[in-house]
Amino acid sequence: LVVSCSAAALAAACCAPLELVAAATSAGEVELFSTRDGSPRGCWAPPEVGSARSVAFVRGEEEGWSVVVGGADGSIHRRWLREAQAAGGEAAGGAASVAAGFDEAREEERP
């Protein structure tokens, strides 16, 4: 799989259960891509991080999945992910659950 980011990728994280890869870029953005076909799944620019130096996927017991990024300024930011909807309108569950991208309805956090 080869993907192109909008700026130099300084760190990357892969999440097999979600079929996503996240790239932290020198422009301070986190870009999400599908591991199936490389298609873009979203871009997030945490405020005032400078360049994004690290990135990780985190799963909460009840909250679901999020992406955490560490910036060159020493800050840490979290952004929640939205899961793809199954045919019946309910979120897909278990290992087959695939995040569709960043959850625009939930605010960014600083853990």
Foldseek 3Di string as FASTA:
>chain_A
DDEDDPAAFQEKEADQLQQWMWTFHQQQKIWIAGVVPRHTQDMDHPPPQRGFNYKDWDQDPPQGIWMWTHGPVGFIKIFDFAWDADPVRHQDDDSNIHTRHTDPVDDMDGD
